[in-house]
Amino acid sequence: MTDTKPWPSEIRLSKDRRTLTVDWDTGASDSLTAEYLRIASPSAEVQGHNEAERKTVPGKAAVEILAVEPVGNYAVRLQFDDMHNTGLFTWDWLWMLARDRDRLWSRYLDELTAKGLSRDR
């Protein structure tokens, strides 16, 4: 058994700028929506400095990714059309988002409901 984590072999932004596809060196491929990436940004603005500070970000159903910028050989910076660009999406972070997508998305939807917020506004 290996402790190595998957490494992206290709990252592609869809023509409509609403989906980022990551192909992994394992042969797996994950398509992550712009909305999901925006609400799960690794930035301190979204994640805070601990779990208690993590924000629920509403109104991002129509968000788009304007740019995907490489950061060294360990991450990409995503520029969203709401001008958010402070999160560095490391390969580990992208892998975690892909692996835990169902759980994280469900938690997000539950938080929106509990706080009276919406994906649309």
PDB file of N, CA and C in Angstrom:
ATOM      1  N   MET A   1       0.847  -1.185   0.000  1.00  0.00           N
ATOM      2  CA  MET A   1       0.000   0.000   0.000  1.00  0.00           C
ATOM      3  C   MET A   1       0.887   1.240   0.000  1.00  0.00           C
ATOM      4  N   THR A   2       0.498   2.246  -0.737  1.00  0.00           N
ATOM      5  CA  THR A   2       1.307   3.453  -0.872  1.00  0.00           C
ATOM      6  C   THR A   2       0.678   4.623  -0.127  1.00  0.00           C
ATOM      7  N   ASP A   3       1.530   5.515   0.353  1.00  0.00           N
ATOM      8  CA  ASP A   3       1.050   6.718   1.031  1.00  0.00           C
ATOM      9  C   ASP A   3       1.012   7.915   0.093  1.00  0.00           C
ATOM     10  N   THR A   4       1.378   7.722  -1.158  1.00  0.00           N
ATOM     11  CA  THR A   4       1.396   8.845  -2.080  1.00  0.00           C
ATOM     12  C   THR A   4      -0.030   9.246  -2.437  1.00  0.00           C
ATOM     13  N   LYS A   5      -0.209  10.534  -2.572  1.00  0.00           N
ATOM     14  CA  LYS A   5      -1.519  11.061  -2.942  1.00  0.00           C
ATOM     15  C   LYS A   5      -1.543  11.304  -4.444  1.00  0.00           C
ATOM     16  N   PRO A   6      -2.715  11.279  -5.028  1.00  0.00           N
ATOM     17  CA  PRO A   6      -2.812  11.544  -6.465  1.00  0.00           C
ATOM     18  C   PRO A   6      -2.256  12.923  -6.815  1.00  0.00           C
ATOM     19  N   TRP A   7      -1.727  13.007  -8.010  1.00  0.00           N
ATOM     20  CA  TRP A   7      -1.140  14.241  -8.530  1.00  0.00           C
ATOM     21  C   TRP A   7      -1.893  14.584  -9.811  1.00  0.00           C
ATOM     22  N   PRO A   8      -2.271  15.845 -10.013  1.00  0.00           N
ATOM     23  CA  PRO A   8      -3.000  16.176 -11.248  1.00  0.00           C
ATOM     24  C   PRO A   8      -2.102  16.044 -12.472  1.00  0.00           C
ATOM     25  N   SER A   9      -2.642  15.417 -13.489  1.00  0.00           N
ATOM     26  CA  SER A   9      -1.917  15.318 -14.753  1.00  0.00           C
ATOM     27  C   SER A   9      -2.427  16.356 -15.753  1.00  0.00           C
ATOM     28  N   GLU A  10      -3.654  16.839 -15.538  1.00  0.00           N
ATOM     29  CA  GLU A  10      -4.214  17.898 -16.376  1.00  0.00           C
ATOM     30  C   GLU A  10      -5.350  18.573 -15.620  1.00  0.00           C
ATOM     31  N   ILE A  11      -5.446  19.893 -15.789  1.00  0.00           N
ATOM     32  CA  ILE A  11      -6.551  20.671 -15.213  1.00  0.00           C
ATOM     33  C   ILE A  11      -7.137  21.491 -16.354  1.00  0.00           C
ATOM     34  N   ARG A  12      -8.450  21.340 -16.559  1.00  0.00           N
ATOM     35  CA  ARG A  12      -9.121  22.021 -17.675  1.00  0.00           C
ATOM     36  C   ARG A  12     -10.336  22.796 -17.183  1.00  0.00           C
ATOM     37  N   LEU A  13     -10.488  23.992 -17.674  1.00  0.00           N
ATOM     38  CA  LEU A  13     -11.674  24.811 -17.412  1.00  0.00           C
ATOM     39  C   LEU A  13     -12.609  24.669 -18.605  1.00  0.00           C
ATOM     40  N   SER A  14     -13.867  24.368 -18.332  1.00  0.00           N
ATOM     41  CA  SER A  14     -14.843  24.213 -19.416  1.00  0.00           C
ATOM     42  C   SER A  14     -15.064  25.538 -20.137  1.00  0.00           C
ATOM     43  N   LYS A  15     -15.553  25.458 -21.363  1.00  0.00           N
ATOM     44  CA  LYS A  15     -15.801  26.666 -22.164  1.00  0.00           C
ATOM     45  C   LYS A  15     -16.776  27.616 -21.489  1.00  0.00           C
ATOM     46  N   ASP A  16     -17.752  27.067 -20.752  1.00  0.00           N
ATOM     47  CA  ASP A  16     -18.727  27.939 -20.078  1.00  0.00           C
ATOM     48  C   ASP A  16     -18.198  28.465 -18.738  1.00  0.00           C
ATOM     49  N   ARG A  17     -16.978  28.070 -18.367  1.00  0.00           N
ATOM     50  CA  ARG A  17     -16.286  28.547 -17.165  1.00  0.00           C
ATOM     51  C   ARG A  17     -16.965  28.129 -15.861  1.00  0.00           C
ATOM     52  N   ARG A  18     -17.789  27.079 -15.927  1.00  0.00           N
ATOM     53  CA  ARG A  18     -18.533  26.659 -14.739  1.00  0.00           C
ATOM     54  C   ARG A  18     -18.094  25.305 -14.188  1.00  0.00           C
ATOM     55  N   THR A  19     -17.107  24.670 -14.842  1.00  0.00           N
ATOM     56  CA  THR A  19     -16.620  23.377 -14.377  1.00  0.00           C
ATOM     57  C   THR A  19     -15.113  23.289 -14.563  1.00  0.00           C
ATOM     58  N   LEU A  20     -14.445  22.843 -13.512  1.00  0.00           N
ATOM     59  CA  LEU A  20     -13.011  22.583 -13.564  1.00  0.00           C
ATOM     60  C   LEU A  20     -12.837  21.070 -13.505  1.00  0.00           C
ATOM     61  N   THR A  21     -12.184  20.516 -14.504  1.00  0.00           N
ATOM     62  CA  THR A  21     -11.942  19.078 -14.539  1.00  0.00           C
ATOM     63  C   THR A  21     -10.484  18.820 -14.215  1.00  0.00           C
ATOM     64  N   VAL A  22     -10.275  17.914 -13.267  1.00  0.00           N
ATOM     65  CA  VAL A  22      -8.928  17.525 -12.867  1.00  0.00           C
ATOM     66  C   VAL A  22      -8.744  16.051 -13.217  1.00  0.00           C
ATOM     67  N   ASP A  23      -7.761  15.787 -14.077  1.00  0.00           N
ATOM     68  CA  ASP A  23      -7.364  14.418 -14.368  1.00  0.00           C
ATOM     69  C   ASP A  23      -6.187  14.102 -13.459  1.00  0.00           C
ATOM     70  N   TRP A  24      -6.258  12.953 -12.791  1.00  0.00           N
ATOM     71  CA  TRP A  24      -5.235  12.560 -11.827  1.00  0.00           C
ATOM     72  C   TRP A  24      -4.318  11.507 -12.423  1.00  0.00           C
ATOM     73  N   ASP A  25      -3.116  11.418 -11.889  1.00  0.00           N
ATOM     74  CA  ASP A  25      -2.157  10.435 -12.382  1.00  0.00           C
ATOM     75  C   ASP A  25      -2.582   8.998 -12.084  1.00  0.00           C
ATOM     76  N   THR A  26      -3.643   8.824 -11.336  1.00  0.00           N
ATOM     77  CA  THR A  26      -4.188   7.491 -11.052  1.00  0.00           C
ATOM     78  C   THR A  26      -5.104   7.005 -12.164  1.00  0.00           C
ATOM     79  N   GLY A  27      -5.436   7.913 -13.097  1.00  0.00           N
ATOM     80  CA  GLY A  27      -6.401   7.601 -14.144  1.00  0.00           C
ATOM     81  C   GLY A  27      -7.787   8.122 -13.819  1.00  0.00           C
ATOM     82  N   ALA A  28      -7.995   8.560 -12.582  1.00  0.00           N
ATOM     83  CA  ALA A  28      -9.286   9.136 -12.178  1.00  0.00           C
ATOM     84  C   ALA A  28      -9.431  10.537 -12.763  1.00  0.00           C
ATOM     85  N   SER A  29     -10.660  10.972 -12.906  1.00  0.00           N
ATOM     86  CA  SER A  29     -10.966  12.313 -13.384  1.00  0.00           C
ATOM     87  C   SER A  29     -12.127  12.849 -12.561  1.00  0.00           C
ATOM     88  N   ASP A  30     -12.014  14.090 -12.112  1.00  0.00           N
ATOM     89  CA  ASP A  30     -13.076  14.706 -11.313  1.00  0.00           C
ATOM     90  C   ASP A  30     -13.466  16.040 -11.919  1.00  0.00           C
ATOM     91  N   SER A  31     -14.768  16.251 -12.058  1.00  0.00           N
ATOM     92  CA  SER A  31     -15.299  17.527 -12.518  1.00  0.00           C
ATOM     93  C   SER A  31     -15.914  18.235 -11.319  1.00  0.00           C
ATOM     94  N   LEU A  32     -15.402  19.416 -11.027  1.00  0.00           N
ATOM     95  CA  LEU A  32     -15.830  20.195  -9.871  1.00  0.00           C
ATOM     96  C   LEU A  32     -16.455  21.492 -10.365  1.00  0.00           C
ATOM     97  N   THR A  33     -17.670  21.761  -9.899  1.00  0.00           N
ATOM     98  CA  THR A  33     -18.347  22.966 -10.364  1.00  0.00           C
ATOM     99  C   THR A  33     -17.710  24.216  -9.768  1.00  0.00           C
ATOM    100  N   ALA A  34     -17.851  25.320 -10.486  1.00  0.00           N
ATOM    101  CA  ALA A  34     -17.341  26.600 -10.004  1.00  0.00           C
ATOM    102  C   ALA A  34     -18.007  26.961  -8.680  1.00  0.00           C
ATOM    103  N   GLU A  35     -19.306  26.711  -8.574  1.00  0.00           N
ATOM    104  CA  GLU A  35     -20.012  27.010  -7.332  1.00  0.00           C
ATOM    105  C   GLU A  35     -19.409  26.243  -6.161  1.00  0.00           C
ATOM    106  N   TYR A  36     -19.199  24.963  -6.329  1.00  0.00           N
ATOM    107  CA  TYR A  36     -18.634  24.133  -5.267  1.00  0.00           C
ATOM    108  C   TYR A  36     -17.232  24.614  -4.892  1.00  0.00           C
ATOM    109  N   LEU A  37     -16.413  24.896  -5.892  1.00  0.00           N
ATOM    110  CA  LEU A  37     -15.065  25.387  -5.612  1.00  0.00           C
ATOM    111  C   LEU A  37     -15.099  26.729  -4.892  1.00  0.00           C
ATOM    112  N   ARG A  38     -16.023  27.592  -5.275  1.00  0.00           N
ATOM    113  CA  ARG A  38     -16.108  28.915  -4.642  1.00  0.00           C
ATOM    114  C   ARG A  38     -16.537  28.812  -3.187  1.00  0.00           C
ATOM    115  N   ILE A  39     -17.532  27.987  -2.902  1.00  0.00           N
ATOM    116  CA  ILE A  39     -18.026  27.904  -1.521  1.00  0.00           C
ATOM    117  C   ILE A  39     -17.078  27.106  -0.626  1.00  0.00           C
ATOM    118  N   ALA A  40     -16.182  26.340  -1.240  1.00  0.00           N
ATOM    119  CA  ALA A  40     -15.215  25.551  -0.478  1.00  0.00           C
ATOM    120  C   ALA A  40     -13.791  26.086  -0.645  1.00  0.00           C
ATOM    121  N   SER A  41     -13.673  27.339  -1.035  1.00  0.00           N
ATOM    122  CA  SER A  41     -12.351  27.937  -1.218  1.00  0.00           C
ATOM    123  C   SER A  41     -11.514  27.759   0.045  1.00  0.00           C
ATOM    124  N   PRO A  42     -10.240  27.443  -0.117  1.00  0.00           N
ATOM    125  CA  PRO A  42      -9.370  27.280   1.047  1.00  0.00           C
ATOM    126  C   PRO A  42      -8.938  28.611   1.673  1.00  0.00           C
ATOM    127  N   SER A  43      -9.446  29.712   1.187  1.00  0.00           N
ATOM    128  CA  SER A  43      -9.042  31.024   1.701  1.00  0.00           C
ATOM    129  C   SER A  43      -9.484  31.219   3.148  1.00  0.00           C
ATOM    130  N   ALA A  44      -8.763  32.059   3.855  1.00  0.00           N
ATOM    131  CA  ALA A  44      -9.140  32.403   5.234  1.00  0.00           C
ATOM    132  C   ALA A  44     -10.495  33.110   5.246  1.00  0.00           C
ATOM    133  N   GLU A  45     -10.808  33.826   4.174  1.00  0.00           N
ATOM    134  CA  GLU A  45     -12.098  34.515   4.067  1.00  0.00           C
ATOM    135  C   GLU A  45     -13.258  33.530   4.178  1.00  0.00           C
ATOM    136  N   VAL A  46     -13.091  32.333   3.638  1.00  0.00           N
ATOM    137  CA  VAL A  46     -14.137  31.310   3.674  1.00  0.00           C
ATOM    138  C   VAL A  46     -13.924  30.345   4.832  1.00  0.00           C
ATOM    139  N   GLN A  47     -12.730  29.824   4.971  1.00  0.00           N
ATOM    140  CA  GLN A  47     -12.449  28.785   5.965  1.00  0.00           C
ATOM    141  C   GLN A  47     -12.180  29.339   7.364  1.00  0.00           C
ATOM    142  N   GLY A  48     -11.862  30.635   7.453  1.00  0.00           N
ATOM    143  CA  GLY A  48     -11.479  31.185   8.743  1.00  0.00           C
ATOM    144  C   GLY A  48     -10.151  30.591   9.170  1.00  0.00           C
ATOM    145  N   HIS A  49      -9.860  30.714  10.448  1.00  0.00           N
ATOM    146  CA  HIS A  49      -8.607  30.162  10.973  1.00  0.00           C
ATOM    147  C   HIS A  49      -8.850  28.918  11.809  1.00  0.00           C
ATOM    148  N   ASN A  50     -10.130  28.556  11.960  1.00  0.00           N
ATOM    149  CA  ASN A  50     -10.513  27.306  12.617  1.00  0.00           C
ATOM    150  C   ASN A  50     -11.955  27.002  12.202  1.00  0.00           C
ATOM    151  N   GLU A  51     -12.446  25.837  12.554  1.00  0.00           N
ATOM    152  CA  GLU A  51     -13.785  25.398  12.135  1.00  0.00           C
ATOM    153  C   GLU A  51     -14.882  26.373  12.566  1.00  0.00           C
ATOM    154  N   ALA A  52     -14.744  26.974  13.740  1.00  0.00           N
ATOM    155  CA  ALA A  52     -15.764  27.901  14.252  1.00  0.00           C
ATOM    156  C   ALA A  52     -15.862  29.165  13.392  1.00  0.00           C
ATOM    157  N   GLU A  53     -14.795  29.511  12.698  1.00  0.00           N
ATOM    158  CA  GLU A  53     -14.786  30.719  11.866  1.00  0.00           C
ATOM    159  C   GLU A  53     -15.199  30.452  10.418  1.00  0.00           C
ATOM    160  N   ARG A  54     -15.386  29.188  10.049  1.00  0.00           N
ATOM    161  CA  ARG A  54     -15.727  28.850   8.665  1.00  0.00           C
ATOM    162  C   ARG A  54     -17.045  29.512   8.276  1.00  0.00           C
ATOM    163  N   LYS A  55     -17.089  30.099   7.077  1.00  0.00           N
ATOM    164  CA  LYS A  55     -18.265  30.828   6.598  1.00  0.00           C
ATOM    165  C   LYS A  55     -19.097  29.959   5.657  1.00  0.00           C
ATOM    166  N   THR A  56     -20.400  30.167   5.703  1.00  0.00           N
ATOM    167  CA  THR A  56     -21.305  29.606   4.710  1.00  0.00           C
ATOM    168  C   THR A  56     -21.506  30.695   3.663  1.00  0.00           C
ATOM    169  N   VAL A  57     -21.104  30.434   2.432  1.00  0.00           N
ATOM    170  CA  VAL A  57     -21.116  31.440   1.371  1.00  0.00           C
ATOM    171  C   VAL A  57     -22.351  31.230   0.500  1.00  0.00           C
ATOM    172  N   PRO A  58     -23.350  32.123   0.591  1.00  0.00           N
ATOM    173  CA  PRO A  58     -24.556  31.961  -0.225  1.00  0.00           C
ATOM    174  C   PRO A  58     -24.418  32.639  -1.592  1.00  0.00           C
ATOM    175  N   GLY A  59     -25.399  32.386  -2.458  1.00  0.00           N
ATOM    176  CA  GLY A  59     -25.548  33.139  -3.694  1.00  0.00           C
ATOM    177  C   GLY A  59     -24.508  32.889  -4.764  1.00  0.00           C
ATOM    178  N   LYS A  60     -23.952  31.692  -4.830  1.00  0.00           N
ATOM    179  CA  LYS A  60     -22.885  31.438  -5.802  1.00  0.00           C
ATOM    180  C   LYS A  60     -23.285  30.436  -6.885  1.00  0.00           C
ATOM    181  N   ALA A  61     -24.571  30.172  -7.040  1.00  0.00           N
ATOM    182  CA  ALA A  61     -25.025  29.179  -8.024  1.00  0.00           C
ATOM    183  C   ALA A  61     -24.588  29.522  -9.442  1.00  0.00           C
ATOM    184  N   ALA A  62     -24.463  30.795  -9.772  1.00  0.00           N
ATOM    185  CA  ALA A  62     -24.124  31.199 -11.133  1.00  0.00           C
ATOM    186  C   ALA A  62     -22.678  31.676 -11.281  1.00  0.00           C
ATOM    187  N   VAL A  63     -21.861  31.476 -10.261  1.00  0.00           N
ATOM    188  CA  VAL A  63     -20.478  31.963 -10.315  1.00  0.00           C
ATOM    189  C   VAL A  63     -19.695  31.238 -11.409  1.00  0.00           C
ATOM    190  N   GLU A  64     -18.753  31.948 -11.995  1.00  0.00           N
ATOM    191  CA  GLU A  64     -17.882  31.378 -13.020  1.00  0.00           C
ATOM    192  C   GLU A  64     -16.430  31.572 -12.622  1.00  0.00           C
ATOM    193  N   ILE A  65     -15.575  30.762 -13.201  1.00  0.00           N
ATOM    194  CA  ILE A  65     -14.137  30.879 -13.003  1.00  0.00           C
ATOM    195  C   ILE A  65     -13.574  31.656 -14.186  1.00  0.00           C
ATOM    196  N   LEU A  66     -12.935  32.779 -13.895  1.00  0.00           N
ATOM    197  CA  LEU A  66     -12.368  33.599 -14.957  1.00  0.00           C
ATOM    198  C   LEU A  66     -10.965  33.142 -15.357  1.00  0.00           C
ATOM    199  N   ALA A  67     -10.198  32.633 -14.394  1.00  0.00           N
ATOM    200  CA  ALA A  67      -8.821  32.241 -14.688  1.00  0.00           C
ATOM    201  C   ALA A  67      -8.365  31.145 -13.739  1.00  0.00           C
ATOM    202  N   VAL A  68      -7.473  30.319 -14.249  1.00  0.00           N
ATOM    203  CA  VAL A  68      -6.809  29.273 -13.468  1.00  0.00           C
ATOM    204  C   VAL A  68      -5.316  29.548 -13.603  1.00  0.00           C
ATOM    205  N   GLU A  69      -4.703  29.964 -12.496  1.00  0.00           N
ATOM    206  CA  GLU A  69      -3.298  30.358 -12.536  1.00  0.00           C
ATOM    207  C   GLU A  69      -2.453  29.382 -11.726  1.00  0.00           C
ATOM    208  N   PRO A  70      -1.427  28.777 -12.339  1.00  0.00           N
ATOM    209  CA  PRO A  70      -0.562  27.879 -11.585  1.00  0.00           C
ATOM    210  C   PRO A  70       0.215  28.638 -10.511  1.00  0.00           C
ATOM    211  N   VAL A  71       0.414  27.980  -9.378  1.00  0.00           N
ATOM    212  CA  VAL A  71       1.236  28.518  -8.298  1.00  0.00           C
ATOM    213  C   VAL A  71       2.292  27.455  -7.998  1.00  0.00           C
ATOM    214  N   GLY A  72       3.492  27.706  -8.455  1.00  0.00           N
ATOM    215  CA  GLY A  72       4.549  26.716  -8.309  1.00  0.00           C
ATOM    216  C   GLY A  72       4.117  25.398  -8.917  1.00  0.00           C
ATOM    217  N   ASN A  73       4.512  24.313  -8.288  1.00  0.00           N
ATOM    218  CA  ASN A  73       4.089  22.999  -8.774  1.00  0.00           C
ATOM    219  C   ASN A  73       3.202  22.297  -7.753  1.00  0.00           C
ATOM    220  N   TYR A  74       2.498  23.115  -6.944  1.00  0.00           N
ATOM    221  CA  TYR A  74       1.711  22.526  -5.862  1.00  0.00           C
ATOM    222  C   TYR A  74       0.272  23.023  -5.793  1.00  0.00           C
ATOM    223  N   ALA A  75      -0.121  24.017  -6.605  1.00  0.00           N
ATOM    224  CA  ALA A  75      -1.458  24.586  -6.449  1.00  0.00           C
ATOM    225  C   ALA A  75      -1.862  25.388  -7.676  1.00  0.00           C
ATOM    226  N   VAL A  76      -3.143  25.779  -7.680  1.00  0.00           N
ATOM    227  CA  VAL A  76      -3.654  26.772  -8.635  1.00  0.00           C
ATOM    228  C   VAL A  76      -4.434  27.819  -7.851  1.00  0.00           C
ATOM    229  N   ARG A  77      -4.413  29.027  -8.362  1.00  0.00           N
ATOM    230  CA  ARG A  77      -5.246  30.107  -7.831  1.00  0.00           C
ATOM    231  C   ARG A  77      -6.390  30.275  -8.825  1.00  0.00           C
ATOM    232  N   LEU A  78      -7.606  30.231  -8.318  1.00  0.00           N
ATOM    233  CA  LEU A  78      -8.773  30.419  -9.165  1.00  0.00           C
ATOM    234  C   LEU A  78      -9.287  31.837  -8.992  1.00  0.00           C
ATOM    235  N   GLN A  79      -9.537  32.503 -10.107  1.00  0.00           N
ATOM    236  CA  GLN A  79     -10.134  33.841 -10.100  1.00  0.00           C
ATOM    237  C   GLN A  79     -11.595  33.662 -10.485  1.00  0.00           C
ATOM    238  N   PHE A  80     -12.490  33.976  -9.545  1.00  0.00           N
ATOM    239  CA  PHE A  80     -13.922  33.850  -9.788  1.00  0.00           C
ATOM    240  C   PHE A  80     -14.491  35.183 -10.257  1.00  0.00           C
ATOM    241  N   ASP A  81     -15.644  35.135 -10.929  1.00  0.00           N
ATOM    242  CA  ASP A  81     -16.217  36.368 -11.461  1.00  0.00           C
ATOM    243  C   ASP A  81     -16.799  37.286 -10.391  1.00  0.00           C
ATOM    244  N   ASP A  82     -16.841  36.835  -9.132  1.00  0.00           N
ATOM    245  CA  ASP A  82     -17.217  37.734  -8.036  1.00  0.00           C
ATOM    246  C   ASP A  82     -15.970  38.382  -7.428  1.00  0.00           C
ATOM    247  N   MET A  83     -14.838  38.213  -8.114  1.00  0.00           N
ATOM    248  CA  MET A  83     -13.526  38.769  -7.779  1.00  0.00           C
ATOM    249  C   MET A  83     -12.833  38.062  -6.623  1.00  0.00           C
ATOM    250  N   HIS A  84     -13.376  36.962  -6.134  1.00  0.00           N
ATOM    251  CA  HIS A  84     -12.682  36.181  -5.113  1.00  0.00           C
ATOM    252  C   HIS A  84     -11.502  35.484  -5.779  1.00  0.00           C
ATOM    253  N   ASN A  85     -10.307  35.621  -5.187  1.00  0.00           N
ATOM    254  CA  ASN A  85      -9.126  34.966  -5.754  1.00  0.00           C
ATOM    255  C   ASN A  85      -8.048  34.689  -4.707  1.00  0.00           C
ATOM    256  N   THR A  86      -8.434  34.636  -3.445  1.00  0.00           N
ATOM    257  CA  THR A  86      -7.422  34.533  -2.396  1.00  0.00           C
ATOM    258  C   THR A  86      -7.127  33.105  -1.948  1.00  0.00           C
ATOM    259  N   GLY A  87      -7.840  32.132  -2.452  1.00  0.00           N
ATOM    260  CA  GLY A  87      -7.581  30.755  -2.039  1.00  0.00           C
ATOM    261  C   GLY A  87      -6.593  30.064  -2.962  1.00  0.00           C
ATOM    262  N   LEU A  88      -5.609  29.396  -2.381  1.00  0.00           N
ATOM    263  CA  LEU A  88      -4.697  28.561  -3.163  1.00  0.00           C
ATOM    264  C   LEU A  88      -5.187  27.122  -3.085  1.00  0.00           C
ATOM    265  N   PHE A  89      -5.639  26.617  -4.201  1.00  0.00           N
ATOM    266  CA  PHE A  89      -6.170  25.258  -4.278  1.00  0.00           C
ATOM    267  C   PHE A  89      -5.004  24.303  -4.508  1.00  0.00           C
ATOM    268  N   THR A  90      -4.451  23.777  -3.410  1.00  0.00           N
ATOM    269  CA  THR A  90      -3.351  22.824  -3.524  1.00  0.00           C
ATOM    270  C   THR A  90      -3.892  21.527  -4.097  1.00  0.00           C
ATOM    271  N   TRP A  91      -2.958  20.691  -4.547  1.00  0.00           N
ATOM    272  CA  TRP A  91      -3.387  19.402  -5.080  1.00  0.00           C
ATOM    273  C   TRP A  91      -4.100  18.594  -4.000  1.00  0.00           C
ATOM    274  N   ASP A  92      -3.604  18.639  -2.766  1.00  0.00           N
ATOM    275  CA  ASP A  92      -4.269  17.928  -1.662  1.00  0.00           C
ATOM    276  C   ASP A  92      -5.681  18.452  -1.435  1.00  0.00           C
ATOM    277  N   TRP A  93      -5.852  19.784  -1.512  1.00  0.00           N
ATOM    278  CA  TRP A  93      -7.172  20.384  -1.294  1.00  0.00           C
ATOM    279  C   TRP A  93      -8.142  19.949  -2.399  1.00  0.00           C
ATOM    280  N   LEU A  94      -7.683  19.998  -3.649  1.00  0.00           N
ATOM    281  CA  LEU A  94      -8.541  19.562  -4.757  1.00  0.00           C
ATOM    282  C   LEU A  94      -8.911  18.094  -4.620  1.00  0.00           C
ATOM    283  N   TRP A  95      -7.952  17.267  -4.226  1.00  0.00           N
ATOM    284  CA  TRP A  95      -8.221  15.841  -4.041  1.00  0.00           C
ATOM    285  C   TRP A  95      -9.250  15.640  -2.936  1.00  0.00           C
ATOM    286  N   MET A  96      -9.099  16.364  -1.829  1.00  0.00           N
ATOM    287  CA  MET A  96     -10.046  16.262  -0.710  1.00  0.00           C
ATOM    288  C   MET A  96     -11.442  16.703  -1.169  1.00  0.00           C
ATOM    289  N   LEU A  97     -11.523  17.804  -1.926  1.00  0.00           N
ATOM    290  CA  LEU A  97     -12.829  18.275  -2.408  1.00  0.00           C
ATOM    291  C   LEU A  97     -13.491  17.234  -3.308  1.00  0.00           C
ATOM    292  N   ALA A  98     -12.695  16.589  -4.147  1.00  0.00           N
ATOM    293  CA  ALA A  98     -13.250  15.560  -5.022  1.00  0.00           C
ATOM    294  C   ALA A  98     -13.664  14.331  -4.214  1.00  0.00           C
ATOM    295  N   ARG A  99     -12.817  13.890  -3.322  1.00  0.00           N
ATOM    296  CA  ARG A  99     -13.071  12.677  -2.529  1.00  0.00           C
ATOM    297  C   ARG A  99     -14.276  12.846  -1.603  1.00  0.00           C
ATOM    298  N   ASP A 100     -14.417  14.028  -0.994  1.00  0.00           N
ATOM    299  CA  ASP A 100     -15.454  14.269   0.014  1.00  0.00           C
ATOM    300  C   ASP A 100     -16.624  15.104  -0.507  1.00  0.00           C
ATOM    301  N   ARG A 101     -16.744  15.192  -1.823  1.00  0.00           N
ATOM    302  CA  ARG A 101     -17.744  16.077  -2.434  1.00  0.00           C
ATOM    303  C   ARG A 101     -19.161  15.862  -1.896  1.00  0.00           C
ATOM    304  N   ASP A 102     -19.647  14.647  -1.845  1.00  0.00           N
ATOM    305  CA  ASP A 102     -21.023  14.406  -1.413  1.00  0.00           C
ATOM    306  C   ASP A 102     -21.255  14.890   0.016  1.00  0.00           C
ATOM    307  N   ARG A 103     -20.338  14.567   0.904  1.00  0.00           N
ATOM    308  CA  ARG A 103     -20.471  14.977   2.302  1.00  0.00           C
ATOM    309  C   ARG A 103     -20.381  16.495   2.448  1.00  0.00           C
ATOM    310  N   LEU A 104     -19.413  17.116   1.786  1.00  0.00           N
ATOM    311  CA  LEU A 104     -19.235  18.568   1.910  1.00  0.00           C
ATOM    312  C   LEU A 104     -20.391  19.334   1.275  1.00  0.00           C
ATOM    313  N   TRP A 105     -20.889  18.852   0.138  1.00  0.00           N
ATOM    314  CA  TRP A 105     -22.008  19.530  -0.532  1.00  0.00           C
ATOM    315  C   TRP A 105     -23.277  19.413   0.314  1.00  0.00           C
ATOM    316  N   SER A 106     -23.515  18.250   0.872  1.00  0.00           N
ATOM    317  CA  SER A 106     -24.681  18.053   1.736  1.00  0.00           C
ATOM    318  C   SER A 106     -24.604  18.962   2.960  1.00  0.00           C
ATOM    319  N   ARG A 107     -23.429  19.047   3.556  1.00  0.00           N
ATOM    320  CA  ARG A 107     -23.245  19.935   4.714  1.00  0.00           C
ATOM    321  C   ARG A 107     -23.532  21.383   4.325  1.00  0.00           C
ATOM    322  N   TYR A 108     -23.054  21.794   3.159  1.00  0.00           N
ATOM    323  CA  TYR A 108     -23.292  23.152   2.673  1.00  0.00           C
ATOM    324  C   TYR A 108     -24.789  23.425   2.506  1.00  0.00           C
ATOM    325  N   LEU A 109     -25.491  22.521   1.849  1.00  0.00           N
ATOM    326  CA  LEU A 109     -26.933  22.709   1.650  1.00  0.00           C
ATOM    327  C   LEU A 109     -27.678  22.756   2.983  1.00  0.00           C
ATOM    328  N   ASP A 110     -27.286  21.920   3.930  1.00  0.00           N
ATOM    329  CA  ASP A 110     -27.895  21.939   5.265  1.00  0.00           C
ATOM    330  C   ASP A 110     -27.636  23.271   5.972  1.00  0.00           C
ATOM    331  N   GLU A 111     -26.418  23.792   5.837  1.00  0.00           N
ATOM    332  CA  GLU A 111     -26.092  25.078   6.464  1.00  0.00           C
ATOM    333  C   GLU A 111     -26.894  26.217   5.846  1.00  0.00           C
ATOM    334  N   LEU A 112     -27.036  26.201   4.518  1.00  0.00           N
ATOM    335  CA  LEU A 112     -27.850  27.234   3.864  1.00  0.00           C
ATOM    336  C   LEU A 112     -29.272  27.221   4.427  1.00  0.00           C
ATOM    337  N   THR A 113     -29.857  26.034   4.503  1.00  0.00           N
ATOM    338  CA  THR A 113     -31.221  25.902   5.014  1.00  0.00           C
ATOM    339  C   THR A 113     -31.313  26.388   6.451  1.00  0.00           C
ATOM    340  N   ALA A 114     -30.406  25.951   7.288  1.00  0.00           N
ATOM    341  CA  ALA A 114     -30.423  26.314   8.710  1.00  0.00           C
ATOM    342  C   ALA A 114     -30.270  27.819   8.918  1.00  0.00           C
ATOM    343  N   LYS A 115     -29.557  28.484   8.013  1.00  0.00           N
ATOM    344  CA  LYS A 115     -29.300  29.923   8.152  1.00  0.00           C
ATOM    345  C   LYS A 115     -30.247  30.774   7.312  1.00  0.00           C
ATOM    346  N   GLY A 116     -31.202  30.124   6.619  1.00  0.00           N
ATOM    347  CA  GLY A 116     -32.158  30.873   5.794  1.00  0.00           C
ATOM    348  C   GLY A 116     -31.506  31.525   4.595  1.00  0.00           C
ATOM    349  N   LEU A 117     -30.448  30.895   4.076  1.00  0.00           N
ATOM    350  CA  LEU A 117     -29.720  31.438   2.930  1.00  0.00           C
ATOM    351  C   LEU A 117     -30.070  30.641   1.673  1.00  0.00           C
ATOM    352  N   SER A 118     -29.618  31.135   0.522  1.00  0.00           N
ATOM    353  CA  SER A 118     -29.944  30.506  -0.749  1.00  0.00           C
ATOM    354  C   SER A 118     -28.700  30.388  -1.636  1.00  0.00           C
ATOM    355  N   ARG A 119     -28.689  29.399  -2.484  1.00  0.00           N
ATOM    356  CA  ARG A 119     -27.622  29.275  -3.486  1.00  0.00           C
ATOM    357  C   ARG A 119     -27.714  30.391  -4.517  1.00  0.00           C
ATOM    358  N   ASP A 120     -28.900  30.959  -4.707  1.00  0.00           N
ATOM    359  CA  ASP A 120     -29.111  31.961  -5.757  1.00  0.00           C
ATOM    360  C   ASP A 120     -28.886  33.404  -5.334  1.00  0.00           C
ATOM    361  N   ARG A 121     -28.886  33.671  -4.044  1.00  0.00           N
ATOM    362  CA  ARG A 121     -28.701  35.063  -3.605  1.00  0.00           C
ATOM    363  C   ARG A 121     -28.015  35.121  -2.281  1.00  0.00           C
TER     364      ARG A 121
END
